[in-house]
Amino acid sequence: MSETTNAYGLWSLVIINSAVFIMFAFSFFKPQTATDWRSFGAFSAFLVALFTEMYGFPLTIYLLSGWLQSNYPGIDWLAHDSGHLPEMIFGWQGNPHFGPFHILSFAFILAGFALISSAWRILYQAQKSGTLARTGAYAKVRHPQYVGFIAIMIGFLFQWPTVLTLAMFPVLVWMYVRLAYAEEQTALKEFGAEYEDYRSRVPAFIPRFGNLVDTTT
């Protein structure tokens, strides 16, 4: 009963977790331009919405309470662990933190942060030298940092899906796609034919894993 009572309304944890993950993301992404700040701000809003439901108020559980209680009557849906909806719905019997969806979540989140970090270093060096970023992650996709943000959001959706974050996700993806193509127009003006060649050889978001063409030449 104490788990049920204390599972939510923990607003200090909402603030702490939101701040930690936002600062962690900031240290990887290091936004500089207005476009960077817009994309980072949208991602931060996603995190706040996520942790608000995770520790503050379980809006999704309340909205789906009738369906959940009817189809899964043996589960205390106000217990914190029950917020791991994929594990609960698919009948995972152990600790949900060790469930398949939670492990998959961490894989996406870690891969996303690693991609953002590696891409930022390459982009920073390219900006310092006035050249086009086209090595490392940029040799596989044209917008690795946006791919990283999307991967992190997918990871959190596997871990703790909510009505609000599920609704935000396609909107944020659409926003990132728009920002990416707006950035491409700037790159075309700056690099011209060089960027046209790069764009023709490297996909925007989904890498061609079988493509071993060296785009650094």
C-alpha atoms as a PDB file:
ATOM      1  CA  MET A   1       0.000   0.000   0.000  1.00  0.00           C
ATOM      2  CA  SER A   2       2.832   2.398   0.744  1.00  0.00           C
ATOM      3  CA  GLU A   3       4.152   1.933  -2.805  1.00  0.00           C
ATOM      4  CA  THR A   4       0.775   2.929  -4.187  1.00  0.00           C
ATOM      5  CA  THR A   5       0.494   5.905  -1.875  1.00  0.00           C
ATOM      6  CA  ASN A   6       3.996   7.222  -2.553  1.00  0.00           C
ATOM      7  CA  ALA A   7       4.318   6.302  -6.230  1.00  0.00           C
ATOM      8  CA  TYR A   8       3.219   9.721  -7.510  1.00  0.00           C
ATOM      9  CA  GLY A   9       3.080  13.311  -6.371  1.00  0.00           C
ATOM     10  CA  LEU A  10       6.874  13.253  -6.049  1.00  0.00           C
ATOM     11  CA  TRP A  11       7.387  16.644  -7.660  1.00  0.00           C
ATOM     12  CA  SER A  12      10.929  16.981  -6.352  1.00  0.00           C
ATOM     13  CA  LEU A  13      11.834  13.888  -8.398  1.00  0.00           C
ATOM     14  CA  VAL A  14      10.132  15.413 -11.439  1.00  0.00           C
ATOM     15  CA  ILE A  15      12.317  18.500 -11.096  1.00  0.00           C
ATOM     16  CA  ILE A  16      15.524  16.611 -10.304  1.00  0.00           C
ATOM     17  CA  ASN A  17      15.189  14.038 -13.091  1.00  0.00           C
ATOM     18  CA  SER A  18      14.144  16.640 -15.651  1.00  0.00           C
ATOM     19  CA  ALA A  19      17.072  18.875 -14.704  1.00  0.00           C
ATOM     20  CA  VAL A  20      19.608  16.023 -14.722  1.00  0.00           C
ATOM     21  CA  PHE A  21      18.581  14.683 -18.127  1.00  0.00           C
ATOM     22  CA  ILE A  22      18.249  18.158 -19.656  1.00  0.00           C
ATOM     23  CA  MET A  23      21.713  19.134 -18.421  1.00  0.00           C
ATOM     24  CA  PHE A  24      23.070  15.776 -19.570  1.00  0.00           C
ATOM     25  CA  ALA A  25      21.586  16.342 -23.027  1.00  0.00           C
ATOM     26  CA  PHE A  26      22.937  19.899 -23.019  1.00  0.00           C
ATOM     27  CA  SER A  27      26.452  18.640 -22.331  1.00  0.00           C
ATOM     28  CA  PHE A  28      26.202  16.362 -25.378  1.00  0.00           C
ATOM     29  CA  PHE A  29      24.420  18.718 -27.774  1.00  0.00           C
ATOM     30  CA  LYS A  30      25.846  22.128 -26.753  1.00  0.00           C
ATOM     31  CA  PRO A  31      23.270  24.306 -28.587  1.00  0.00           C
ATOM     32  CA  GLN A  32      24.658  27.482 -30.109  1.00  0.00           C
ATOM     33  CA  THR A  33      22.368  28.754 -32.856  1.00  0.00           C
ATOM     34  CA  ALA A  34      18.678  29.697 -32.594  1.00  0.00           C
ATOM     35  CA  THR A  35      17.852  26.483 -34.462  1.00  0.00           C
ATOM     36  CA  ASP A  36      19.878  24.459 -31.966  1.00  0.00           C
ATOM     37  CA  TRP A  37      17.997  26.033 -29.076  1.00  0.00           C
ATOM     38  CA  ARG A  38      14.604  25.348 -30.677  1.00  0.00           C
ATOM     39  CA  SER A  39      15.392  21.669 -31.174  1.00  0.00           C
ATOM     40  CA  PHE A  40      16.868  21.380 -27.691  1.00  0.00           C
ATOM     41  CA  GLY A  41      13.897  23.194 -26.145  1.00  0.00           C
ATOM     42  CA  ALA A  42      11.429  20.825 -27.792  1.00  0.00           C
ATOM     43  CA  PHE A  43      13.403  17.841 -26.549  1.00  0.00           C
ATOM     44  CA  SER A  44      13.467  19.329 -23.040  1.00  0.00           C
ATOM     45  CA  ALA A  45       9.670  19.717 -23.112  1.00  0.00           C
ATOM     46  CA  PHE A  46       9.396  16.021 -23.991  1.00  0.00           C
ATOM     47  CA  LEU A  47      11.523  15.115 -20.964  1.00  0.00           C
ATOM     48  CA  VAL A  48       9.498  17.299 -18.598  1.00  0.00           C
ATOM     49  CA  ALA A  49       6.251  15.730 -19.846  1.00  0.00           C
ATOM     50  CA  LEU A  50       7.741  12.265 -19.398  1.00  0.00           C
ATOM     51  CA  PHE A  51       8.974  12.747 -15.829  1.00  0.00           C
ATOM     52  CA  THR A  52       5.792  14.552 -14.822  1.00  0.00           C
ATOM     53  CA  GLU A  53       3.856  11.361 -15.562  1.00  0.00           C
ATOM     54  CA  MET A  54       6.580   9.104 -14.216  1.00  0.00           C
ATOM     55  CA  TYR A  55       6.714  10.725 -10.768  1.00  0.00           C
ATOM     56  CA  GLY A  56       4.149  13.513 -10.601  1.00  0.00           C
ATOM     57  CA  PHE A  57       0.694  12.747 -11.959  1.00  0.00           C
ATOM     58  CA  PRO A  58      -0.078   9.521 -13.914  1.00  0.00           C
ATOM     59  CA  LEU A  59      -2.402  11.078 -16.492  1.00  0.00           C
ATOM     60  CA  THR A  60      -2.126   8.112 -18.876  1.00  0.00           C
ATOM     61  CA  ILE A  61      -3.011   5.612 -16.141  1.00  0.00           C
ATOM     62  CA  TYR A  62      -6.090   7.637 -15.214  1.00  0.00           C
ATOM     63  CA  LEU A  63      -7.202   8.048 -18.820  1.00  0.00           C
ATOM     64  CA  LEU A  64      -6.821   4.322 -19.504  1.00  0.00           C
ATOM     65  CA  SER A  65      -7.859   3.140 -16.045  1.00  0.00           C
ATOM     66  CA  GLY A  66     -11.189   1.613 -17.165  1.00  0.00           C
ATOM     67  CA  TRP A  67      -9.612  -0.390 -19.980  1.00  0.00           C
ATOM     68  CA  LEU A  68      -6.591  -1.399 -17.896  1.00  0.00           C
ATOM     69  CA  GLN A  69      -8.638  -2.588 -14.924  1.00  0.00           C
ATOM     70  CA  SER A  70     -11.016  -4.522 -17.176  1.00  0.00           C
ATOM     71  CA  ASN A  71      -8.299  -6.302 -19.141  1.00  0.00           C
ATOM     72  CA  TYR A  72      -5.625  -6.616 -16.426  1.00  0.00           C
ATOM     73  CA  PRO A  73      -7.555  -6.839 -13.143  1.00  0.00           C
ATOM     74  CA  GLY A  74      -4.714  -8.334 -11.116  1.00  0.00           C
ATOM     75  CA  ILE A  75      -2.412  -5.317 -11.431  1.00  0.00           C
ATOM     76  CA  ASP A  76      -2.231  -2.348  -9.071  1.00  0.00           C
ATOM     77  CA  TRP A  77      -2.082   0.343 -11.738  1.00  0.00           C
ATOM     78  CA  LEU A  78      -1.232   3.093  -9.260  1.00  0.00           C
ATOM     79  CA  ALA A  79       1.987   1.347  -8.199  1.00  0.00           C
ATOM     80  CA  HIS A  80       5.066   2.936  -9.745  1.00  0.00           C
ATOM     81  CA  ASP A  81       6.290  -0.214 -11.514  1.00  0.00           C
ATOM     82  CA  SER A  82       2.955  -0.473 -13.311  1.00  0.00           C
ATOM     83  CA  GLY A  83       3.827   2.654 -15.272  1.00  0.00           C
ATOM     84  CA  HIS A  84       6.095   0.408 -17.351  1.00  0.00           C
ATOM     85  CA  LEU A  85       3.106  -0.351 -19.538  1.00  0.00           C
ATOM     86  CA  PRO A  86       4.778  -2.586 -22.167  1.00  0.00           C
ATOM     87  CA  GLU A  87       6.091  -5.014 -19.532  1.00  0.00           C
ATOM     88  CA  MET A  88       2.735  -5.014 -17.728  1.00  0.00           C
ATOM     89  CA  ILE A  89       0.600  -5.484 -20.837  1.00  0.00           C
ATOM     90  CA  PHE A  90       2.785  -8.272 -22.241  1.00  0.00           C
ATOM     91  CA  GLY A  91       2.802 -10.135 -18.936  1.00  0.00           C
ATOM     92  CA  TRP A  92       6.392  -9.679 -17.772  1.00  0.00           C
ATOM     93  CA  GLN A  93       6.526 -11.328 -14.331  1.00  0.00           C
ATOM     94  CA  GLY A  94       9.833  -9.993 -13.017  1.00  0.00           C
ATOM     95  CA  ASN A  95      11.088  -6.539 -12.119  1.00  0.00           C
ATOM     96  CA  PRO A  96      10.092  -4.290 -15.069  1.00  0.00           C
ATOM     97  CA  HIS A  97      13.456  -2.524 -14.857  1.00  0.00           C
ATOM     98  CA  PHE A  98      14.989  -5.757 -16.161  1.00  0.00           C
ATOM     99  CA  GLY A  99      12.265  -6.386 -18.710  1.00  0.00           C
ATOM    100  CA  PRO A 100      12.916  -6.562 -22.466  1.00  0.00           C
ATOM    101  CA  PHE A 101      11.350  -3.203 -23.252  1.00  0.00           C
ATOM    102  CA  HIS A 102      13.327  -1.476 -20.510  1.00  0.00           C
ATOM    103  CA  ILE A 103      16.582  -2.971 -21.770  1.00  0.00           C
ATOM    104  CA  LEU A 104      15.691  -1.958 -25.331  1.00  0.00           C
ATOM    105  CA  SER A 105      14.928   1.498 -23.990  1.00  0.00           C
ATOM    106  CA  PHE A 106      18.408   1.886 -22.531  1.00  0.00           C
ATOM    107  CA  ALA A 107      19.977   0.686 -25.791  1.00  0.00           C
ATOM    108  CA  PHE A 108      18.183   3.419 -27.746  1.00  0.00           C
ATOM    109  CA  ILE A 109      18.910   6.105 -25.145  1.00  0.00           C
ATOM    110  CA  LEU A 110      22.621   5.313 -24.874  1.00  0.00           C
ATOM    111  CA  ALA A 111      22.992   5.046 -28.645  1.00  0.00           C
ATOM    112  CA  GLY A 112      21.225   8.381 -29.065  1.00  0.00           C
ATOM    113  CA  PHE A 113      23.456  10.212 -26.606  1.00  0.00           C
ATOM    114  CA  ALA A 114      26.577   8.622 -28.112  1.00  0.00           C
ATOM    115  CA  LEU A 115      25.505   9.691 -31.604  1.00  0.00           C
ATOM    116  CA  ILE A 116      24.777  13.266 -30.520  1.00  0.00           C
ATOM    117  CA  SER A 117      28.124  13.528 -28.760  1.00  0.00           C
ATOM    118  CA  SER A 118      30.220  12.145 -31.624  1.00  0.00           C
ATOM    119  CA  ALA A 119      28.365  14.227 -34.192  1.00  0.00           C
ATOM    120  CA  TRP A 120      28.786  17.425 -32.207  1.00  0.00           C
ATOM    121  CA  ARG A 121      32.572  17.029 -32.062  1.00  0.00           C
ATOM    122  CA  ILE A 122      32.753  16.565 -35.829  1.00  0.00           C
ATOM    123  CA  LEU A 123      30.429  19.489 -36.506  1.00  0.00           C
ATOM    124  CA  TYR A 124      32.339  21.748 -34.113  1.00  0.00           C
ATOM    125  CA  GLN A 125      35.655  21.039 -35.833  1.00  0.00           C
ATOM    126  CA  ALA A 126      34.088  21.563 -39.250  1.00  0.00           C
ATOM    127  CA  GLN A 127      32.610  24.907 -38.187  1.00  0.00           C
ATOM    128  CA  LYS A 128      35.962  26.029 -36.791  1.00  0.00           C
ATOM    129  CA  SER A 129      37.717  25.218 -40.055  1.00  0.00           C
ATOM    130  CA  GLY A 130      34.896  26.466 -42.291  1.00  0.00           C
ATOM    131  CA  THR A 131      34.494  23.067 -43.933  1.00  0.00           C
ATOM    132  CA  LEU A 132      31.608  20.699 -44.487  1.00  0.00           C
ATOM    133  CA  ALA A 133      31.032  18.053 -41.794  1.00  0.00           C
ATOM    134  CA  ARG A 134      31.090  14.759 -43.657  1.00  0.00           C
ATOM    135  CA  THR A 135      33.139  12.305 -41.604  1.00  0.00           C
ATOM    136  CA  GLY A 136      32.211   9.933 -38.784  1.00  0.00           C
ATOM    137  CA  ALA A 137      28.467   9.928 -38.184  1.00  0.00           C
ATOM    138  CA  TYR A 138      28.073  12.521 -40.950  1.00  0.00           C
ATOM    139  CA  ALA A 139      29.399   9.949 -43.404  1.00  0.00           C
ATOM    140  CA  LYS A 140      26.346   7.770 -42.696  1.00  0.00           C
ATOM    141  CA  VAL A 141      23.550  10.322 -42.290  1.00  0.00           C
ATOM    142  CA  ARG A 142      23.327  14.043 -42.941  1.00  0.00           C
ATOM    143  CA  HIS A 143      21.611  14.879 -39.645  1.00  0.00           C
ATOM    144  CA  PRO A 144      23.032  12.557 -36.967  1.00  0.00           C
ATOM    145  CA  GLN A 145      22.204  14.849 -34.044  1.00  0.00           C
ATOM    146  CA  TYR A 146      18.514  14.887 -34.904  1.00  0.00           C
ATOM    147  CA  VAL A 147      18.633  11.121 -35.364  1.00  0.00           C
ATOM    148  CA  GLY A 148      20.158  10.940 -31.884  1.00  0.00           C
ATOM    149  CA  PHE A 149      17.345  12.973 -30.332  1.00  0.00           C
ATOM    150  CA  ILE A 150      14.741  10.805 -32.050  1.00  0.00           C
ATOM    151  CA  ALA A 151      16.487   7.627 -30.826  1.00  0.00           C
ATOM    152  CA  ILE A 152      16.449   8.902 -27.244  1.00  0.00           C
ATOM    153  CA  MET A 153      12.749   9.720 -27.443  1.00  0.00           C
ATOM    154  CA  ILE A 154      12.003   6.269 -28.876  1.00  0.00           C
ATOM    155  CA  GLY A 155      13.962   4.794 -25.979  1.00  0.00           C
ATOM    156  CA  PHE A 156      11.894   6.653 -23.404  1.00  0.00           C
ATOM    157  CA  LEU A 157       8.692   5.613 -25.171  1.00  0.00           C
ATOM    158  CA  PHE A 158       9.714   1.963 -24.853  1.00  0.00           C
ATOM    159  CA  GLN A 159      10.412   2.520 -21.173  1.00  0.00           C
ATOM    160  CA  TRP A 160       7.453   4.651 -20.082  1.00  0.00           C
ATOM    161  CA  PRO A 161       4.931   5.438 -22.840  1.00  0.00           C
ATOM    162  CA  THR A 162       2.372   8.125 -22.037  1.00  0.00           C
ATOM    163  CA  VAL A 163      -0.494   9.681 -23.933  1.00  0.00           C
ATOM    164  CA  LEU A 164       1.233  13.068 -23.944  1.00  0.00           C
ATOM    165  CA  THR A 165       4.693  11.902 -25.044  1.00  0.00           C
ATOM    166  CA  LEU A 166       3.194   9.633 -27.706  1.00  0.00           C
ATOM    167  CA  ALA A 167       1.297  12.644 -29.035  1.00  0.00           C
ATOM    168  CA  MET A 168       4.392  14.858 -28.856  1.00  0.00           C
ATOM    169  CA  PHE A 169       6.680  12.384 -30.593  1.00  0.00           C
ATOM    170  CA  PRO A 170       5.410  12.706 -34.207  1.00  0.00           C
ATOM    171  CA  VAL A 171       5.170  16.491 -33.783  1.00  0.00           C
ATOM    172  CA  LEU A 172       8.786  16.672 -32.633  1.00  0.00           C
ATOM    173  CA  VAL A 173       9.954  14.371 -35.438  1.00  0.00           C
ATOM    174  CA  TRP A 174       8.168  16.595 -37.942  1.00  0.00           C
ATOM    175  CA  MET A 175       9.800  19.660 -36.375  1.00  0.00           C
ATOM    176  CA  TYR A 176      13.256  18.074 -36.540  1.00  0.00           C
ATOM    177  CA  VAL A 177      12.752  17.150 -40.191  1.00  0.00           C
ATOM    178  CA  ARG A 178      11.751  20.727 -40.992  1.00  0.00           C
ATOM    179  CA  LEU A 179      14.736  22.127 -39.104  1.00  0.00           C
ATOM    180  CA  ALA A 180      17.053  19.682 -40.854  1.00  0.00           C
ATOM    181  CA  TYR A 181      15.932  20.686 -44.310  1.00  0.00           C
ATOM    182  CA  ALA A 182      16.061  24.373 -43.394  1.00  0.00           C
ATOM    183  CA  GLU A 183      19.673  23.854 -42.335  1.00  0.00           C
ATOM    184  CA  GLU A 184      20.337  22.176 -45.667  1.00  0.00           C
ATOM    185  CA  GLN A 185      19.273  25.316 -47.513  1.00  0.00           C
ATOM    186  CA  THR A 186      21.854  27.261 -45.517  1.00  0.00           C
ATOM    187  CA  ALA A 187      24.505  24.634 -46.281  1.00  0.00           C
ATOM    188  CA  LEU A 188      23.668  24.783 -49.996  1.00  0.00           C
ATOM    189  CA  LYS A 189      24.232  28.522 -50.009  1.00  0.00           C
ATOM    190  CA  GLU A 190      27.532  28.144 -48.194  1.00  0.00           C
ATOM    191  CA  PHE A 191      29.002  25.058 -49.890  1.00  0.00           C
ATOM    192  CA  GLY A 192      27.115  24.865 -53.175  1.00  0.00           C
ATOM    193  CA  ALA A 193      28.102  21.939 -55.392  1.00  0.00           C
ATOM    194  CA  GLU A 194      30.092  20.306 -52.611  1.00  0.00           C
ATOM    195  CA  TYR A 195      26.958  19.971 -50.500  1.00  0.00           C
ATOM    196  CA  GLU A 196      24.913  18.847 -53.510  1.00  0.00           C
ATOM    197  CA  ASP A 197      27.402  16.016 -54.031  1.00  0.00           C
ATOM    198  CA  TYR A 198      27.342  15.135 -50.319  1.00  0.00           C
ATOM    199  CA  ARG A 199      23.539  15.168 -50.253  1.00  0.00           C
ATOM    200  CA  SER A 200      23.352  12.886 -53.284  1.00  0.00           C
ATOM    201  CA  ARG A 201      25.568  10.295 -51.605  1.00  0.00           C
ATOM    202  CA  VAL A 202      24.485  10.361 -47.943  1.00  0.00           C
ATOM    203  CA  PRO A 203      20.875   9.810 -46.757  1.00  0.00           C
ATOM    204  CA  ALA A 204      19.232  12.347 -44.463  1.00  0.00           C
ATOM    205  CA  PHE A 205      18.181  10.220 -41.484  1.00  0.00           C
ATOM    206  CA  ILE A 206      18.278   6.472 -42.147  1.00  0.00           C
ATOM    207  CA  PRO A 207      21.766   5.142 -42.940  1.00  0.00           C
ATOM    208  CA  ARG A 208      22.436   2.751 -45.769  1.00  0.00           C
ATOM    209  CA  PHE A 209      24.323   0.191 -43.730  1.00  0.00           C
ATOM    210  CA  GLY A 210      25.591  -1.547 -46.835  1.00  0.00           C
ATOM    211  CA  ASN A 211      26.985   1.641 -48.304  1.00  0.00           C
ATOM    212  CA  LEU A 212      30.732   1.763 -47.686  1.00  0.00           C
ATOM    213  CA  VAL A 213      31.419   4.730 -49.981  1.00  0.00           C
ATOM    214  CA  ASP A 214      33.925   7.099 -48.423  1.00  0.00           C
ATOM    215  CA  THR A 215      32.292  10.523 -48.416  1.00  0.00           C
ATOM    216  CA  THR A 216      35.352  12.307 -47.138  1.00  0.00           C
ATOM    217  CA  THR A 217      36.828  12.694 -50.618  1.00  0.00           C
END
